[in-house]
Amino acid sequence: IEIDLRQMMATDEAPAPLTPIDKA
């Protein structure tokens, strides 16, 4: 959600998505 909102506002750099940990 944070990535979506940051990219909509185009004022902040969006963070990277969380990656799976041990396939979870």
PDB file of all heavy atoms in Angstrom:
ATOM      1  N   ILE A   1       0.836  -1.200   0.000  1.00  0.00           N
ATOM      2  CA  ILE A   1       0.000   0.000   0.000  1.00  0.00           C
ATOM      3  C   ILE A   1       0.866   1.245   0.000  1.00  0.00           C
ATOM      4  O   ILE A   1       0.595   2.215  -0.737  1.00  0.00           O
ATOM      5  CB  ILE A   1      -0.943  -0.002   1.220  1.00  0.00           C
ATOM      6  CG1 ILE A   1      -1.942  -1.152   1.138  1.00  0.00           C
ATOM      7  CG2 ILE A   1      -1.679   1.326   1.327  1.00  0.00           C
ATOM      8  CD1 ILE A   1      -2.813  -1.300   2.372  1.00  0.00           C
ATOM      9  N   GLU A   2       1.921   1.245   0.803  1.00  0.00           N
ATOM     10  CA  GLU A   2       2.814   2.406   0.850  1.00  0.00           C
ATOM     11  C   GLU A   2       3.435   2.671  -0.518  1.00  0.00           C
ATOM     12  O   GLU A   2       3.522   3.827  -0.956  1.00  0.00           O
ATOM     13  CB  GLU A   2       3.911   2.182   1.893  1.00  0.00           C
ATOM     14  CG  GLU A   2       4.868   3.355   1.997  1.00  0.00           C
ATOM     15  CD  GLU A   2       6.016   3.104   2.956  1.00  0.00           C
ATOM     16  OE1 GLU A   2       6.039   2.028   3.581  1.00  0.00           O
ATOM     17  OE2 GLU A   2       6.887   3.989   3.070  1.00  0.00           O
ATOM     18  N   ILE A   3       3.842   1.607  -1.192  1.00  0.00           N
ATOM     19  CA  ILE A   3       4.422   1.775  -2.529  1.00  0.00           C
ATOM     20  C   ILE A   3       3.413   2.419  -3.472  1.00  0.00           C
ATOM     21  O   ILE A   3       3.734   3.367  -4.213  1.00  0.00           O
ATOM     22  CB  ILE A   3       4.897   0.413  -3.072  1.00  0.00           C
ATOM     23  CG1 ILE A   3       6.087  -0.097  -2.255  1.00  0.00           C
ATOM     24  CG2 ILE A   3       5.277   0.520  -4.549  1.00  0.00           C
ATOM     25  CD1 ILE A   3       6.491  -1.512  -2.592  1.00  0.00           C
ATOM     26  N   ASP A   4       2.176   1.935  -3.452  1.00  0.00           N
ATOM     27  CA  ASP A   4       1.136   2.496  -4.324  1.00  0.00           C
ATOM     28  C   ASP A   4       0.918   3.978  -4.040  1.00  0.00           C
ATOM     29  O   ASP A   4       0.839   4.804  -4.966  1.00  0.00           O
ATOM     30  CB  ASP A   4      -0.176   1.733  -4.141  1.00  0.00           C
ATOM     31  CG  ASP A   4      -0.128   0.328  -4.728  1.00  0.00           C
ATOM     32  OD1 ASP A   4       0.782   0.049  -5.529  1.00  0.00           O
ATOM     33  OD2 ASP A   4      -1.005  -0.493  -4.368  1.00  0.00           O
ATOM     34  N   LEU A   5       0.810   4.336  -2.757  1.00  0.00           N
ATOM     35  CA  LEU A   5       0.522   5.726  -2.406  1.00  0.00           C
ATOM     36  C   LEU A   5       1.704   6.641  -2.715  1.00  0.00           C
ATOM     37  O   LEU A   5       1.507   7.775  -3.193  1.00  0.00           O
ATOM     38  CB  LEU A   5       0.153   5.815  -0.918  1.00  0.00           C
ATOM     39  CG  LEU A   5      -1.138   5.098  -0.513  1.00  0.00           C
ATOM     40  CD1 LEU A   5      -1.388   5.257   0.990  1.00  0.00           C
ATOM     41  CD2 LEU A   5      -2.332   5.623  -1.290  1.00  0.00           C
ATOM     42  N   ARG A   6       2.925   6.182  -2.438  1.00  0.00           N
ATOM     43  CA  ARG A   6       4.102   7.009  -2.749  1.00  0.00           C
ATOM     44  C   ARG A   6       4.210   7.265  -4.247  1.00  0.00           C
ATOM     45  O   ARG A   6       4.539   8.369  -4.689  1.00  0.00           O
ATOM     46  CB  ARG A   6       5.371   6.328  -2.257  1.00  0.00           C
ATOM     47  CG  ARG A   6       5.448   6.055  -0.761  1.00  0.00           C
ATOM     48  CD  ARG A   6       5.636   7.299   0.050  1.00  0.00           C
ATOM     49  NE  ARG A   6       5.872   6.997   1.452  1.00  0.00           N
ATOM     50  CZ  ARG A   6       5.686   7.839   2.450  1.00  0.00           C
ATOM     51  NH1 ARG A   6       5.235   9.059   2.204  1.00  0.00           N
ATOM     52  NH2 ARG A   6       5.921   7.486   3.706  1.00  0.00           N
ATOM     53  N   GLN A   7       3.939   6.255  -5.030  1.00  0.00           N
ATOM     54  CA  GLN A   7       4.027   6.422  -6.474  1.00  0.00           C
ATOM     55  C   GLN A   7       2.911   7.315  -7.006  1.00  0.00           C
ATOM     56  O   GLN A   7       3.101   8.036  -7.993  1.00  0.00           O
ATOM     57  CB  GLN A   7       4.003   5.063  -7.159  1.00  0.00           C
ATOM     58  CG  GLN A   7       5.257   4.240  -6.911  1.00  0.00           C
ATOM     59  CD  GLN A   7       5.205   2.857  -7.522  1.00  0.00           C
ATOM     60  OE1 GLN A   7       4.145   2.383  -7.929  1.00  0.00           O
ATOM     61  NE2 GLN A   7       6.350   2.195  -7.588  1.00  0.00           N
ATOM     62  N   MET A   8       1.730   7.287  -6.377  1.00  0.00           N
ATOM     63  CA  MET A   8       0.655   8.196  -6.785  1.00  0.00           C
ATOM     64  C   MET A   8       1.038   9.645  -6.538  1.00  0.00           C
ATOM     65  O   MET A   8       0.778  10.526  -7.368  1.00  0.00           O
ATOM     66  CB  MET A   8      -0.625   7.873  -6.007  1.00  0.00           C
ATOM     67  CG  MET A   8      -1.315   6.591  -6.404  1.00  0.00           C
ATOM     68  SD  MET A   8      -2.797   6.325  -5.383  1.00  0.00           S
ATOM     69  CE  MET A   8      -3.166   4.618  -5.761  1.00  0.00           C
ATOM     70  N   MET A   9       1.662   9.905  -5.367  1.00  0.00           N
ATOM     71  CA  MET A   9       2.011  11.282  -5.027  1.00  0.00           C
ATOM     72  C   MET A   9       3.222  11.776  -5.797  1.00  0.00           C
ATOM     73  O   MET A   9       3.370  12.972  -6.037  1.00  0.00           O
ATOM     74  CB  MET A   9       2.272  11.385  -3.520  1.00  0.00           C
ATOM     75  CG  MET A   9       1.074  11.036  -2.660  1.00  0.00           C
ATOM     76  SD  MET A   9      -0.366  12.062  -3.016  1.00  0.00           S
ATOM     77  CE  MET A   9       0.228  13.662  -2.461  1.00  0.00           C
ATOM     78  N   ALA A  10       4.090  10.868  -6.190  1.00  0.00           N
ATOM     79  CA  ALA A  10       5.281  11.201  -6.989  1.00  0.00           C
ATOM     80  C   ALA A  10       6.155  12.242  -6.311  1.00  0.00           C
ATOM     81  O   ALA A  10       6.869  13.007  -6.973  1.00  0.00           O
ATOM     82  CB  ALA A  10       4.867  11.681  -8.380  1.00  0.00           C
ATOM     83  N   THR A  11       6.107  12.317  -4.987  1.00  0.00           N
ATOM     84  CA  THR A  11       6.957  13.257  -4.247  1.00  0.00           C
ATOM     85  C   THR A  11       8.039  12.551  -3.442  1.00  0.00           C
ATOM     86  O   THR A  11       9.037  13.151  -3.092  1.00  0.00           O
ATOM     87  CB  THR A  11       6.103  14.102  -3.284  1.00  0.00           C
ATOM     88  OG1 THR A  11       5.364  13.235  -2.420  1.00  0.00           O
ATOM     89  CG2 THR A  11       5.142  14.984  -4.068  1.00  0.00           C
ATOM     90  N   ASP A  12       7.818  11.288  -3.132  1.00  0.00           N
ATOM     91  CA  ASP A  12       8.789  10.504  -2.367  1.00  0.00           C
ATOM     92  C   ASP A  12       9.187   9.271  -3.164  1.00  0.00           C
ATOM     93  O   ASP A  12       8.432   8.786  -4.003  1.00  0.00           O
ATOM     94  CB  ASP A  12       8.199  10.064  -1.019  1.00  0.00           C
ATOM     95  CG  ASP A  12       7.934  11.257  -0.108  1.00  0.00           C
ATOM     96  OD1 ASP A  12       8.705  12.222  -0.177  1.00  0.00           O
ATOM     97  OD2 ASP A  12       6.957  11.207   0.650  1.00  0.00           O
ATOM     98  N   GLU A  13      10.373   8.800  -2.879  1.00  0.00           N
ATOM     99  CA  GLU A  13      10.806   7.552  -3.499  1.00  0.00           C
ATOM    100  C   GLU A  13      10.127   6.379  -2.796  1.00  0.00           C
ATOM    101  O   GLU A  13      10.177   6.264  -1.573  1.00  0.00           O
ATOM    102  CB  GLU A  13      12.319   7.419  -3.411  1.00  0.00           C
ATOM    103  CG  GLU A  13      12.855   6.179  -4.097  1.00  0.00           C
ATOM    104  CD  GLU A  13      14.362   6.088  -4.038  1.00  0.00           C
ATOM    105  OE1 GLU A  13      14.994   7.059  -3.579  1.00  0.00           O
ATOM    106  OE2 GLU A  13      14.901   5.040  -4.435  1.00  0.00           O
ATOM    107  N   ALA A  14       9.480   5.537  -3.577  1.00  0.00           N
ATOM    108  CA  ALA A  14       8.767   4.402  -2.995  1.00  0.00           C
ATOM    109  C   ALA A  14       9.753   3.366  -2.495  1.00  0.00           C
ATOM    110  O   ALA A  14      10.784   3.106  -3.139  1.00  0.00           O
ATOM    111  CB  ALA A  14       7.833   3.790  -4.029  1.00  0.00           C
ATOM    112  N   PRO A  15       9.487   2.745  -1.353  1.00  0.00           N
ATOM    113  CA  PRO A  15      10.382   1.701  -0.844  1.00  0.00           C
ATOM    114  C   PRO A  15      10.262   0.429  -1.673  1.00  0.00           C
ATOM    115  O   PRO A  15       9.322   0.264  -2.464  1.00  0.00           O
ATOM    116  CB  PRO A  15       9.881   1.476   0.587  1.00  0.00           C
ATOM    117  CG  PRO A  15       8.428   1.843   0.529  1.00  0.00           C
ATOM    118  CD  PRO A  15       8.321   2.963  -0.466  1.00  0.00           C
ATOM    119  N   ALA A  16      11.198  -0.462  -1.466  1.00  0.00           N
ATOM    120  CA  ALA A  16      11.176  -1.743  -2.182  1.00  0.00           C
ATOM    121  C   ALA A  16      10.169  -2.679  -1.520  1.00  0.00           C
ATOM    122  O   ALA A  16       9.943  -2.610  -0.305  1.00  0.00           O
ATOM    123  CB  ALA A  16      12.559  -2.378  -2.175  1.00  0.00           C
ATOM    124  N   PRO A  17       9.541  -3.549  -2.291  1.00  0.00           N
ATOM    125  CA  PRO A  17       8.606  -4.519  -1.696  1.00  0.00           C
ATOM    126  C   PRO A  17       9.333  -5.478  -0.761  1.00  0.00           C
ATOM    127  O   PRO A  17      10.536  -5.742  -0.908  1.00  0.00           O
ATOM    128  CB  PRO A  17       8.030  -5.265  -2.914  1.00  0.00           C
ATOM    129  CG  PRO A  17       8.371  -4.425  -4.102  1.00  0.00           C
ATOM    130  CD  PRO A  17       9.621  -3.680  -3.755  1.00  0.00           C
ATOM    131  N   LEU A  18       8.613  -6.001   0.219  1.00  0.00           N
ATOM    132  CA  LEU A  18       9.177  -7.028   1.090  1.00  0.00           C
ATOM    133  C   LEU A  18       9.317  -8.322   0.304  1.00  0.00           C
ATOM    134  O   LEU A  18       8.420  -8.694  -0.460  1.00  0.00           O
ATOM    135  CB  LEU A  18       8.287  -7.239   2.317  1.00  0.00           C
ATOM    136  CG  LEU A  18       8.211  -6.095   3.329  1.00  0.00           C
ATOM    137  CD1 LEU A  18       7.290  -6.477   4.479  1.00  0.00           C
ATOM    138  CD2 LEU A  18       9.591  -5.739   3.848  1.00  0.00           C
ATOM    139  N   THR A  19      10.411  -8.987   0.506  1.00  0.00           N
ATOM    140  CA  THR A  19      10.658 -10.258  -0.189  1.00  0.00           C
ATOM    141  C   THR A  19      10.341 -11.426   0.734  1.00  0.00           C
ATOM    142  O   THR A  19      10.420 -11.299   1.958  1.00  0.00           O
ATOM    143  CB  THR A  19      12.113 -10.341  -0.651  1.00  0.00           C
ATOM    144  OG1 THR A  19      12.979 -10.185   0.485  1.00  0.00           O
ATOM    145  CG2 THR A  19      12.427  -9.235  -1.649  1.00  0.00           C
ATOM    146  N   PRO A  20       9.962 -12.563   0.169  1.00  0.00           N
ATOM    147  CA  PRO A  20       9.665 -13.731   1.012  1.00  0.00           C
ATOM    148  C   PRO A  20      10.877 -14.157   1.838  1.00  0.00           C
ATOM    149  O   PRO A  20      12.020 -14.053   1.394  1.00  0.00           O
ATOM    150  CB  PRO A  20       9.272 -14.805  -0.001  1.00  0.00           C
ATOM    151  CG  PRO A  20       8.857 -14.047  -1.233  1.00  0.00           C
ATOM    152  CD  PRO A  20       9.720 -12.829  -1.261  1.00  0.00           C
ATOM    153  N   ILE A  21      10.606 -14.631   3.033  1.00  0.00           N
ATOM    154  CA  ILE A  21      11.634 -15.174   3.921  1.00  0.00           C
ATOM    155  C   ILE A  21      11.363 -16.669   4.063  1.00  0.00           C
ATOM    156  O   ILE A  21      10.313 -17.064   4.574  1.00  0.00           O
ATOM    157  CB  ILE A  21      11.602 -14.500   5.292  1.00  0.00           C
ATOM    158  CG1 ILE A  21      11.820 -12.995   5.170  1.00  0.00           C
ATOM    159  CG2 ILE A  21      12.665 -15.113   6.220  1.00  0.00           C
ATOM    160  CD1 ILE A  21      11.658 -12.254   6.483  1.00  0.00           C
ATOM    161  N   ASP A  22      12.279 -17.475   3.579  1.00  0.00           N
ATOM    162  CA  ASP A  22      12.105 -18.926   3.635  1.00  0.00           C
ATOM    163  C   ASP A  22      10.768 -19.339   3.010  1.00  0.00           C
ATOM    164  O   ASP A  22      10.026 -20.142   3.572  1.00  0.00           O
ATOM    165  CB  ASP A  22      12.207 -19.433   5.080  1.00  0.00           C
ATOM    166  CG  ASP A  22      12.390 -20.937   5.162  1.00  0.00           C
ATOM    167  OD1 ASP A  22      12.778 -21.539   4.147  1.00  0.00           O
ATOM    168  OD2 ASP A  22      12.142 -21.507   6.240  1.00  0.00           O
ATOM    169  N   LYS A  23      10.469 -18.690   1.863  1.00  0.00           N
ATOM    170  CA  LYS A  23       9.259 -18.998   1.083  1.00  0.00           C
ATOM    171  C   LYS A  23       7.977 -18.721   1.855  1.00  0.00           C
ATOM    172  O   LYS A  23       7.000 -19.470   1.765  1.00  0.00           O
ATOM    173  CB  LYS A  23       9.298 -20.437   0.596  1.00  0.00           C
ATOM    174  CG  LYS A  23      10.480 -20.745  -0.325  1.00  0.00           C
ATOM    175  CD  LYS A  23      10.474 -22.169  -0.823  1.00  0.00           C
ATOM    176  CE  LYS A  23      11.681 -22.403  -1.749  1.00  0.00           C
ATOM    177  NZ  LYS A  23      11.726 -23.790  -2.241  1.00  0.00           N
ATOM    178  N   ALA A  24       8.011 -17.628   2.621  1.00  0.00           N
ATOM    179  CA  ALA A  24       6.825 -17.194   3.351  1.00  0.00           C
ATOM    180  C   ALA A  24       6.804 -15.673   3.396  1.00  0.00           C
ATOM    181  O   ALA A  24       7.847 -15.021   3.487  1.00  0.00           O
ATOM    182  CB  ALA A  24       6.822 -17.756   4.768  1.00  0.00           C
TER     183      ALA A  24
END
